[in-house]
Amino acid sequence: MLNFMVQLIIWILCIYGLFSVIQDCVKFNLYKKIEENIKFVMTVKNAEDGIEEYIRELTYSRNFYHNLVVVDMESTDDTLKILHRLEKEVFNMKVLEKEEGKKYLQDMVK
């Protein structure tokens, strides 16, 4: 009986993992279909304490498929370092420094 329960739990976890992988693939395919001009722009300065948690919550939420553009406004702490690390992990995120961000926003408005 114990062997059956262990096998049942393992199968349930395997099926749950398979559904999670399928869900992630569907999310990625949906993201590809969204137009490039839908963007969420955020400016930050000296936000190393909470920026990683905030971006992870935002980008891993169920319905966030927008392109995230984060403009660092000359932070003096490790905010920019954290953002560049996150940029490698989050597929729809772009990090710009202050001058790049200004140009980017001006081009978007035109």
N, C-alpha and C. Protein backbone atom coordinates (compact mmCIF):
# COMPACT_ATOMS: atom_id res chain seq x y z
N MET A 1 0.83 -1.19 0.00
CA MET A 1 0.00 0.00 0.00
C MET A 1 0.87 1.26 0.00
N LEU A 2 1.94 1.22 0.80
CA LEU A 2 2.85 2.37 0.87
C LEU A 2 3.52 2.60 -0.48
N ASN A 3 3.92 1.51 -1.14
CA ASN A 3 4.54 1.61 -2.45
C ASN A 3 3.58 2.26 -3.46
N PHE A 4 2.32 1.87 -3.42
CA PHE A 4 1.30 2.45 -4.31
C PHE A 4 1.15 3.95 -4.05
N MET A 5 1.11 4.36 -2.79
CA MET A 5 0.96 5.78 -2.45
C MET A 5 2.15 6.61 -2.94
N VAL A 6 3.36 6.04 -2.79
CA VAL A 6 4.56 6.75 -3.25
C VAL A 6 4.52 6.90 -4.77
N GLN A 7 4.16 5.83 -5.47
CA GLN A 7 4.07 5.90 -6.93
C GLN A 7 3.00 6.89 -7.37
N LEU A 8 1.88 6.92 -6.68
CA LEU A 8 0.80 7.84 -7.01
C LEU A 8 1.27 9.29 -6.84
N ILE A 9 1.95 9.57 -5.76
CA ILE A 9 2.47 10.93 -5.51
C ILE A 9 3.48 11.32 -6.59
N ILE A 10 4.36 10.40 -6.96
CA ILE A 10 5.35 10.68 -8.01
C ILE A 10 4.65 10.97 -9.34
N TRP A 11 3.64 10.18 -9.68
CA TRP A 11 2.91 10.42 -10.93
C TRP A 11 2.19 11.77 -10.91
N ILE A 12 1.61 12.11 -9.80
CA ILE A 12 0.91 13.41 -9.69
C ILE A 12 1.91 14.55 -9.88
N LEU A 13 3.07 14.44 -9.25
CA LEU A 13 4.09 15.49 -9.41
C LEU A 13 4.60 15.56 -10.84
N CYS A 14 4.76 14.41 -11.49
CA CYS A 14 5.20 14.40 -12.90
C CYS A 14 4.18 15.07 -13.81
N ILE A 15 2.92 14.75 -13.60
CA ILE A 15 1.87 15.35 -14.42
C ILE A 15 1.80 16.85 -14.17
N TYR A 16 1.92 17.27 -12.91
CA TYR A 16 1.92 18.70 -12.59
C TYR A 16 3.08 19.40 -13.29
N GLY A 17 4.26 18.79 -13.26
CA GLY A 17 5.43 19.37 -13.93
C GLY A 17 5.24 19.47 -15.42
N LEU A 18 4.63 18.45 -16.01
CA LEU A 18 4.36 18.46 -17.45
C LEU A 18 3.40 19.60 -17.80
N PHE A 19 2.36 19.78 -17.02
CA PHE A 19 1.43 20.88 -17.27
C PHE A 19 2.11 22.24 -17.11
N SER A 20 3.02 22.37 -16.17
CA SER A 20 3.75 23.63 -15.99
C SER A 20 4.61 23.94 -17.22
N VAL A 21 5.27 22.93 -17.75
CA VAL A 21 6.09 23.12 -18.95
C VAL A 21 5.23 23.51 -20.14
N ILE A 22 4.10 22.84 -20.31
CA ILE A 22 3.18 23.18 -21.40
C ILE A 22 2.67 24.60 -21.25
N GLN A 23 2.32 24.98 -20.03
CA GLN A 23 1.83 26.34 -19.78
C GLN A 23 2.89 27.37 -20.13
N ASP A 24 4.15 27.13 -19.76
CA ASP A 24 5.23 28.05 -20.09
C ASP A 24 5.43 28.16 -21.60
N CYS A 25 5.33 27.05 -22.30
CA CYS A 25 5.46 27.07 -23.77
C CYS A 25 4.34 27.88 -24.41
N VAL A 26 3.13 27.72 -23.91
CA VAL A 26 2.00 28.48 -24.44
C VAL A 26 2.20 29.96 -24.17
N LYS A 27 2.64 30.33 -22.97
CA LYS A 27 2.91 31.73 -22.65
C LYS A 27 3.95 32.31 -23.59
N PHE A 28 5.02 31.55 -23.86
CA PHE A 28 6.08 32.05 -24.73
C PHE A 28 5.54 32.25 -26.14
N ASN A 29 4.74 31.32 -26.63
CA ASN A 29 4.17 31.46 -27.98
C ASN A 29 3.20 32.62 -28.05
N LEU A 30 2.42 32.84 -27.01
CA LEU A 30 1.51 33.99 -26.98
C LEU A 30 2.31 35.29 -27.01
N TYR A 31 3.41 35.31 -26.28
CA TYR A 31 4.22 36.51 -26.25
C TYR A 31 4.75 36.85 -27.64
N LYS A 32 5.17 35.84 -28.39
CA LYS A 32 5.70 36.06 -29.73
C LYS A 32 4.67 36.72 -30.64
N LYS A 33 3.40 36.44 -30.40
CA LYS A 33 2.35 36.96 -31.26
C LYS A 33 1.95 38.40 -30.92
N ILE A 34 2.35 38.88 -29.76
CA ILE A 34 1.98 40.23 -29.34
C ILE A 34 2.83 41.24 -30.10
N GLU A 35 2.23 42.33 -30.47
CA GLU A 35 2.94 43.36 -31.22
C GLU A 35 4.10 43.93 -30.42
N GLU A 36 5.15 44.29 -31.14
CA GLU A 36 6.35 44.83 -30.50
C GLU A 36 6.11 46.19 -29.86
N ASN A 37 5.12 46.95 -30.31
CA ASN A 37 4.96 48.30 -29.79
C ASN A 37 4.17 48.38 -28.49
N ILE A 38 3.80 47.26 -27.92
CA ILE A 38 3.16 47.28 -26.60
C ILE A 38 4.28 47.18 -25.57
N LYS A 39 4.48 48.27 -24.83
CA LYS A 39 5.60 48.32 -23.90
C LYS A 39 5.17 48.87 -22.54
N PHE A 40 5.84 48.41 -21.52
CA PHE A 40 5.67 48.91 -20.16
C PHE A 40 7.01 49.53 -19.80
N VAL A 41 7.06 50.85 -19.64
CA VAL A 41 8.31 51.55 -19.38
C VAL A 41 8.35 51.96 -17.90
N MET A 42 9.48 51.67 -17.25
CA MET A 42 9.62 51.97 -15.84
C MET A 42 10.98 52.64 -15.62
N THR A 43 11.00 53.71 -14.85
CA THR A 43 12.27 54.35 -14.50
C THR A 43 12.58 54.03 -13.04
N VAL A 44 13.87 53.81 -12.77
CA VAL A 44 14.29 53.47 -11.41
C VAL A 44 15.55 54.24 -11.05
N LYS A 45 15.72 54.48 -9.76
CA LYS A 45 16.95 55.08 -9.25
C LYS A 45 17.17 54.60 -7.82
N ASN A 46 18.34 54.03 -7.59
CA ASN A 46 18.73 53.53 -6.26
C ASN A 46 17.65 52.65 -5.64
N ALA A 47 17.29 51.61 -6.36
CA ALA A 47 16.21 50.73 -5.90
C ALA A 47 16.68 49.30 -5.72
N GLU A 48 17.94 49.13 -5.33
CA GLU A 48 18.49 47.77 -5.24
C GLU A 48 17.77 46.89 -4.22
N ASP A 49 17.17 47.49 -3.21
CA ASP A 49 16.54 46.69 -2.15
C ASP A 49 15.31 45.93 -2.63
N GLY A 50 14.52 46.51 -3.53
CA GLY A 50 13.28 45.85 -3.89
C GLY A 50 13.05 45.63 -5.37
N ILE A 51 13.99 46.06 -6.22
CA ILE A 51 13.74 46.03 -7.66
C ILE A 51 13.66 44.61 -8.21
N GLU A 52 14.50 43.73 -7.72
CA GLU A 52 14.48 42.36 -8.24
C GLU A 52 13.15 41.67 -7.92
N GLU A 53 12.72 41.79 -6.69
CA GLU A 53 11.45 41.17 -6.29
C GLU A 53 10.29 41.76 -7.08
N TYR A 54 10.28 43.08 -7.27
CA TYR A 54 9.20 43.73 -8.00
C TYR A 54 9.16 43.26 -9.45
N ILE A 55 10.30 43.22 -10.11
CA ILE A 55 10.33 42.80 -11.52
C ILE A 55 9.95 41.34 -11.66
N ARG A 56 10.42 40.50 -10.76
CA ARG A 56 10.04 39.08 -10.82
C ARG A 56 8.53 38.91 -10.63
N GLU A 57 7.95 39.63 -9.67
CA GLU A 57 6.51 39.55 -9.47
C GLU A 57 5.76 40.03 -10.70
N LEU A 58 6.22 41.12 -11.27
CA LEU A 58 5.56 41.70 -12.44
C LEU A 58 5.66 40.79 -13.66
N THR A 59 6.85 40.32 -13.97
CA THR A 59 7.05 39.56 -15.20
C THR A 59 6.58 38.11 -15.09
N TYR A 60 6.54 37.56 -13.90
CA TYR A 60 6.08 36.18 -13.76
C TYR A 60 4.60 36.09 -13.42
N SER A 61 3.93 37.23 -13.39
CA SER A 61 2.49 37.18 -13.15
C SER A 61 1.83 36.51 -14.36
N ARG A 62 0.66 36.02 -14.19
CA ARG A 62 0.01 35.19 -15.20
C ARG A 62 -0.22 35.88 -16.53
N ASN A 63 -0.54 37.16 -16.53
CA ASN A 63 -0.94 37.80 -17.77
C ASN A 63 -0.01 38.93 -18.20
N PHE A 64 1.25 38.89 -17.85
CA PHE A 64 2.17 39.94 -18.26
C PHE A 64 2.96 39.47 -19.47
N TYR A 65 2.53 39.94 -20.65
CA TYR A 65 3.21 39.58 -21.89
C TYR A 65 3.79 40.81 -22.57
N HIS A 66 3.76 41.94 -21.90
CA HIS A 66 4.26 43.17 -22.51
C HIS A 66 5.79 43.18 -22.50
N ASN A 67 6.34 44.04 -23.34
CA ASN A 67 7.78 44.26 -23.30
C ASN A 67 8.07 45.23 -22.17
N LEU A 68 8.96 44.85 -21.28
CA LEU A 68 9.31 45.69 -20.14
C LEU A 68 10.60 46.42 -20.45
N VAL A 69 10.56 47.75 -20.42
CA VAL A 69 11.74 48.58 -20.61
C VAL A 69 12.02 49.29 -19.29
N VAL A 70 13.18 49.04 -18.71
CA VAL A 70 13.56 49.66 -17.44
C VAL A 70 14.69 50.65 -17.72
N VAL A 71 14.46 51.90 -17.35
CA VAL A 71 15.45 52.96 -17.55
C VAL A 71 16.05 53.30 -16.18
N ASP A 72 17.36 53.10 -16.06
CA ASP A 72 18.06 53.43 -14.82
C ASP A 72 18.48 54.90 -14.88
N MET A 73 18.08 55.65 -13.88
CA MET A 73 18.34 57.09 -13.83
C MET A 73 19.59 57.39 -12.99
N GLU A 74 20.72 56.83 -13.41
CA GLU A 74 22.02 57.05 -12.77
C GLU A 74 22.04 56.62 -11.30
N SER A 75 21.66 55.40 -11.05
CA SER A 75 21.70 54.87 -9.69
C SER A 75 23.13 54.80 -9.19
N THR A 76 23.30 55.06 -7.91
CA THR A 76 24.64 54.99 -7.32
C THR A 76 24.85 53.70 -6.53
N ASP A 77 23.82 52.87 -6.45
CA ASP A 77 23.96 51.58 -5.78
C ASP A 77 24.05 50.48 -6.85
N ASP A 78 23.72 49.26 -6.49
CA ASP A 78 23.85 48.13 -7.42
C ASP A 78 22.59 47.88 -8.26
N THR A 79 21.73 48.86 -8.38
CA THR A 79 20.50 48.68 -9.15
C THR A 79 20.78 48.27 -10.58
N LEU A 80 21.69 48.95 -11.26
CA LEU A 80 21.98 48.66 -12.66
C LEU A 80 22.55 47.26 -12.83
N LYS A 81 23.40 46.85 -11.90
CA LYS A 81 23.98 45.49 -11.94
C LYS A 81 22.87 44.44 -11.81
N ILE A 82 21.94 44.66 -10.90
CA ILE A 82 20.81 43.74 -10.69
C ILE A 82 19.94 43.70 -11.95
N LEU A 83 19.68 44.86 -12.54
CA LEU A 83 18.85 44.93 -13.74
C LEU A 83 19.48 44.18 -14.90
N HIS A 84 20.78 44.33 -15.10
CA HIS A 84 21.46 43.62 -16.19
C HIS A 84 21.43 42.11 -15.97
N ARG A 85 21.52 41.69 -14.73
CA ARG A 85 21.42 40.24 -14.44
C ARG A 85 20.01 39.74 -14.75
N LEU A 86 19.01 40.52 -14.36
CA LEU A 86 17.62 40.14 -14.63
C LEU A 86 17.32 40.16 -16.13
N GLU A 87 17.96 41.06 -16.84
CA GLU A 87 17.73 41.17 -18.28
C GLU A 87 18.08 39.87 -19.00
N LYS A 88 19.07 39.15 -18.48
CA LYS A 88 19.46 37.87 -19.06
C LYS A 88 18.45 36.78 -18.77
N GLU A 89 17.70 36.92 -17.69
CA GLU A 89 16.74 35.90 -17.27
C GLU A 89 15.34 36.14 -17.83
N VAL A 90 14.93 37.40 -17.92
CA VAL A 90 13.56 37.73 -18.32
C VAL A 90 13.56 38.01 -19.81
N PHE A 91 12.86 37.19 -20.59
CA PHE A 91 12.95 37.26 -22.05
C PHE A 91 12.31 38.50 -22.65
N ASN A 92 11.44 39.19 -21.96
CA ASN A 92 10.78 40.37 -22.52
C ASN A 92 11.19 41.66 -21.82
N MET A 93 12.43 41.71 -21.34
CA MET A 93 12.91 42.86 -20.58
C MET A 93 14.13 43.48 -21.25
N LYS A 94 14.16 44.81 -21.25
CA LYS A 94 15.29 45.55 -21.81
C LYS A 94 15.70 46.61 -20.80
N VAL A 95 17.01 46.74 -20.55
CA VAL A 95 17.52 47.71 -19.58
C VAL A 95 18.29 48.79 -20.33
N LEU A 96 17.97 50.04 -20.02
CA LEU A 96 18.65 51.17 -20.64
C LEU A 96 19.16 52.11 -19.56
N GLU A 97 20.30 52.75 -19.84
CA GLU A 97 20.78 53.77 -18.93
C GLU A 97 20.12 55.10 -19.30
N LYS A 98 20.33 56.12 -18.49
CA LYS A 98 19.57 57.37 -18.58
C LYS A 98 19.56 57.97 -19.99
N GLU A 99 20.70 58.15 -20.60
CA GLU A 99 20.76 58.79 -21.92
C GLU A 99 20.12 57.92 -22.99
N GLU A 100 20.37 56.63 -22.93
CA GLU A 100 19.73 55.70 -23.88
C GLU A 100 18.22 55.74 -23.70
N GLY A 101 17.79 55.81 -22.45
CA GLY A 101 16.36 55.84 -22.14
C GLY A 101 15.69 57.09 -22.67
N LYS A 102 16.36 58.23 -22.54
CA LYS A 102 15.80 59.47 -23.07
C LYS A 102 15.59 59.35 -24.58
N LYS A 103 16.62 58.88 -25.27
CA LYS A 103 16.52 58.74 -26.73
C LYS A 103 15.42 57.74 -27.09
N TYR A 104 15.37 56.65 -26.39
CA TYR A 104 14.37 55.61 -26.64
C TYR A 104 12.95 56.17 -26.48
N LEU A 105 12.73 56.91 -25.40
CA LEU A 105 11.40 57.48 -25.15
C LEU A 105 11.05 58.54 -26.19
N GLN A 106 12.03 59.35 -26.59
CA GLN A 106 11.77 60.35 -27.62
C GLN A 106 11.39 59.68 -28.94
N ASP A 107 12.07 58.60 -29.28
CA ASP A 107 11.76 57.87 -30.52
C ASP A 107 10.38 57.22 -30.45
N MET A 108 9.99 56.78 -29.27
CA MET A 108 8.67 56.16 -29.10
C MET A 108 7.55 57.17 -29.31
N VAL A 109 7.77 58.39 -28.85
CA VAL A 109 6.74 59.42 -28.92
C VAL A 109 6.54 59.88 -30.37
N LYS A 110 7.60 59.86 -31.16
CA LYS A 110 7.50 60.32 -32.55
C LYS A 110 6.65 59.43 -33.40
